[in-house]
Amino acid sequence: MPFWALLTLPFTPVLLSVGVIALMEAAGAANADNPAAVTDAACFETKTYRPLAHLPPGLVAADVDFGPFILAHTPHSVLGAPYHRMSYGILTSHRIFASPPETAKEILHAARADYVMTCGSRGPRTQPAGEAEQNFWIQLKEGRIPDWLEPIPETAALRVFRLKRDMRE
């Protein structure tokens, strides 16, 4: 019996997790403190959300897959998260990033959002043909920030923008 216990020990969840983490670090997984090294994997790490947690609490519009991380690791609320009963938030979040900037501004205002957050290369999952270059997410990714957004520089791997005060009132 002790032989089998020792043989299976390396396959316990804790040791498997430690092994996978060690392999990822050895393979050069992204460092969330270095925005130039951001990969999509870094967007799903706890430490990535620390800078966002230091901002005054508000409503964050982001890709719905980031919603659980924002909720768990910051004092913020989210517009959308991947929960089946949040259809309004899921659809609204998608519409914000898939729309032209002026339409996104109207949707953000109606939702009473305080922040817009992006990370890595994750944009809207579906996009009407021919409209991708016009959407809000692509423009943010390319650095074309509308004048109604204020970039928050100390947010490491995340790209966080505050809606300007006159926009939220």
Foldseek 3Di string as FASTA:
>chain_A
DVVVVVVCVCVDPVNVVVVVVVVCVVVPQFDLQAQVRFAVVSLPDLVLCVVVQPDPEWEEQEQQCSQVSCVVRHNYHYQHHPDPVSVRSNVLSLCLQQAAPVVNLVSCQVVLGFKYKYAHPDGRPDHPPPRRCRGPNVCVVVVNDDPQWAWDPPSRRMTMTGGDPVSND
